[in-house]
Amino acid sequence: MLCRAATYNDPCGVGIVGEAGGMPNFGWGVRSKTVTHRAAVLVFAATAGMAAPSLASDWVKTIETGGSGVFTVCRSWMLFSTCKDYNRVVIPTRVSVGDTLRLDYGTNTKKYLFPVGRILRDDNHCKLFTEPAGGTDDVNRIDVSPCHELAALP
């Protein structure tokens, strides 16, 4: 029988200390490993879907843009990462994977060469990433809206 001694008046006769370790038994004894395992599985399942693009999204080779986008610069520190958005960054009207875009951004104009590693299109919205593989959060990217996929040239 698992005794649940939430108070010092323990009906199981264990007294003030419950388990062999000398700590009070607050109902975590036998079930703690199962609860912890289930919680870990739920957290993993919830975050696993976040890393992959949604089913409506697809990777494309070439897009047509409206000529501007939002440039997000991310920096990875030891314990955390930070990202900053720069609006109205001018980009070419045609962008392909493998292109290198010359970006001028910020109030104190900065220059950045953005290598297009991959393009994720979701309806009328696209994201350009610097890396050909990897995650889609906390990475340098350009959000473009509107955008349209262009057929590859022969």
Protein backbone atom coordinates (compact mmCIF):
# COMPACT_ATOMS: atom_id res chain seq x y z
CA MET A 1 0.00 0.00 0.00
CA LEU A 2 1.34 3.43 -0.93
CA CYS A 3 0.94 5.72 2.08
CA ARG A 4 0.21 9.35 1.34
CA ALA A 5 1.41 11.29 4.36
CA ALA A 6 0.70 14.90 3.47
CA THR A 7 0.56 15.76 7.16
CA TYR A 8 2.55 14.60 10.13
CA ASN A 9 -0.45 12.56 11.29
CA ASP A 10 0.48 9.57 9.18
CA PRO A 11 -2.23 6.86 9.19
CA CYS A 12 0.30 4.31 7.90
CA GLY A 13 2.42 4.57 11.01
CA VAL A 14 5.51 5.81 9.20
CA GLY A 15 5.70 8.92 11.36
CA ILE A 16 7.32 12.23 10.46
CA VAL A 17 9.69 10.72 7.92
CA GLY A 18 8.20 8.57 5.21
CA GLU A 19 10.56 6.84 2.82
CA ALA A 20 13.91 5.31 3.63
CA GLY A 21 15.75 8.46 2.64
CA GLY A 22 14.45 10.31 5.71
CA MET A 23 12.24 12.67 3.70
CA PRO A 24 8.48 13.09 4.19
CA ASN A 25 6.34 11.11 1.75
CA PHE A 26 4.07 13.57 -0.05
CA GLY A 27 2.72 11.05 -2.55
CA TRP A 28 5.64 11.23 -4.97
CA GLY A 29 7.21 7.88 -3.98
CA VAL A 30 6.18 5.17 -6.43
CA ARG A 31 4.62 7.30 -9.16
CA SER A 32 7.34 9.94 -9.57
CA LYS A 33 9.28 8.09 -12.29
CA THR A 34 6.13 7.42 -14.30
CA VAL A 35 4.92 11.02 -13.99
CA THR A 36 8.36 12.37 -14.92
CA HIS A 37 8.61 10.01 -17.91
CA ARG A 38 5.15 10.99 -19.18
CA ALA A 39 5.92 14.69 -18.77
CA ALA A 40 9.18 14.30 -20.69
CA VAL A 41 7.39 12.49 -23.51
CA LEU A 42 4.75 15.24 -23.71
CA VAL A 43 7.36 18.01 -23.77
CA PHE A 44 9.33 16.20 -26.47
CA ALA A 45 6.22 15.61 -28.58
CA ALA A 46 5.17 19.26 -28.27
CA THR A 47 8.58 20.65 -29.23
CA ALA A 48 9.32 18.13 -31.98
CA GLY A 49 6.54 19.55 -34.11
CA MET A 50 7.81 23.10 -33.62
CA ALA A 51 11.15 22.48 -35.32
CA ALA A 52 9.64 21.18 -38.55
CA PRO A 53 7.76 23.42 -40.96
CA SER A 54 3.99 23.04 -41.11
CA LEU A 55 2.46 20.76 -43.72
CA ALA A 56 1.19 23.76 -45.71
CA SER A 57 4.75 25.10 -46.07
CA ASP A 58 7.20 23.95 -48.70
CA TRP A 59 10.82 24.55 -49.65
CA VAL A 60 11.28 26.33 -52.98
CA LYS A 61 14.26 27.29 -55.18
CA THR A 62 13.26 30.69 -56.62
CA ILE A 63 10.75 33.37 -55.58
CA GLU A 64 9.51 36.72 -56.79
CA THR A 65 9.33 39.35 -54.02
CA GLY A 66 7.77 42.75 -53.50
CA GLY A 67 11.25 44.28 -53.22
CA SER A 68 11.50 44.51 -49.42
CA GLY A 69 11.42 42.38 -46.32
CA VAL A 70 12.07 42.20 -42.58
CA PHE A 71 15.65 41.18 -41.76
CA THR A 72 16.06 39.33 -38.45
CA VAL A 73 19.57 39.19 -36.97
CA CYS A 74 20.07 36.61 -34.21
CA ARG A 75 23.02 36.32 -31.86
CA SER A 76 23.76 33.28 -29.73
CA TRP A 77 25.14 34.00 -26.29
CA MET A 78 26.30 31.30 -23.89
CA LEU A 79 22.97 30.77 -22.12
CA PHE A 80 20.46 32.39 -24.45
CA SER A 81 20.02 33.95 -27.86
CA THR A 82 18.62 37.31 -28.93
CA CYS A 83 17.06 38.45 -32.20
CA LYS A 84 16.44 41.94 -33.58
CA ASP A 85 14.22 42.85 -36.52
CA TYR A 86 15.06 45.48 -39.12
CA ASN A 87 12.06 46.57 -41.22
CA ARG A 88 11.97 47.70 -44.85
CA VAL A 89 15.21 46.09 -45.98
CA VAL A 90 15.51 46.33 -49.75
CA ILE A 91 15.96 42.99 -51.54
CA PRO A 92 15.90 42.02 -55.24
CA THR A 93 12.58 41.21 -56.88
CA ARG A 94 13.88 37.75 -57.81
CA VAL A 95 15.72 35.61 -55.24
CA SER A 96 17.07 32.07 -55.65
CA VAL A 97 18.79 29.58 -53.35
CA GLY A 98 22.53 30.17 -53.73
CA ASP A 99 22.24 33.95 -54.24
CA THR A 100 24.10 36.35 -51.94
CA LEU A 101 22.06 39.45 -51.11
CA ARG A 102 23.75 42.74 -50.17
CA LEU A 103 21.69 44.25 -47.34
CA ASP A 104 21.92 47.80 -46.01
CA TYR A 105 19.94 48.17 -42.78
CA GLY A 106 19.58 50.10 -39.53
CA THR A 107 19.54 53.80 -38.67
CA ASN A 108 23.34 53.80 -38.51
CA THR A 109 23.59 51.96 -41.84
CA LYS A 110 25.18 48.53 -41.56
CA LYS A 111 26.08 46.28 -44.47
CA TYR A 112 25.56 42.53 -44.50
CA LEU A 113 26.07 39.85 -47.16
CA PHE A 114 23.17 37.41 -46.79
CA PRO A 115 23.80 34.01 -48.44
CA VAL A 116 20.44 32.42 -49.31
CA GLY A 117 20.70 28.81 -48.12
CA ARG A 118 17.01 27.89 -48.36
CA ILE A 119 13.59 29.42 -48.92
CA LEU A 120 10.44 28.38 -47.07
CA ARG A 121 7.17 29.41 -48.73
CA ASP A 122 3.85 29.36 -46.91
CA ASP A 123 1.03 30.66 -49.11
CA ASN A 124 1.84 34.32 -49.84
CA HIS A 125 4.65 34.58 -47.26
CA CYS A 126 8.30 33.45 -47.57
CA LYS A 127 11.27 33.15 -45.23
CA LEU A 128 14.84 33.21 -46.52
CA PHE A 129 17.45 31.48 -44.33
CA THR A 130 21.25 31.69 -44.40
CA GLU A 131 21.81 28.02 -43.62
CA PRO A 132 20.79 25.23 -46.03
CA ALA A 133 19.66 23.03 -43.10
CA GLY A 134 18.72 23.44 -39.47
CA GLY A 135 16.06 25.14 -37.41
CA THR A 136 13.83 28.04 -38.34
CA ASP A 137 13.90 29.92 -35.02
CA ASP A 138 16.75 32.05 -33.65
CA VAL A 139 18.57 32.12 -37.00
CA ASN A 140 19.32 34.98 -39.40
CA ARG A 141 16.42 35.25 -41.84
CA ILE A 142 14.44 37.58 -44.06
CA ASP A 143 10.63 37.53 -43.93
CA VAL A 144 9.12 38.47 -47.29
CA SER A 145 5.48 39.20 -47.91
CA PRO A 146 4.13 39.01 -50.57
CA CYS A 147 6.10 36.40 -52.49
CA HIS A 148 5.39 33.96 -55.30
CA GLU A 149 7.25 30.86 -56.39
CA LEU A 150 8.88 31.07 -59.82
CA ALA A 151 9.43 28.06 -62.03
CA ALA A 152 13.05 27.08 -62.43
CA LEU A 153 14.72 28.16 -65.65
CA PRO A 154 15.60 25.33 -68.09
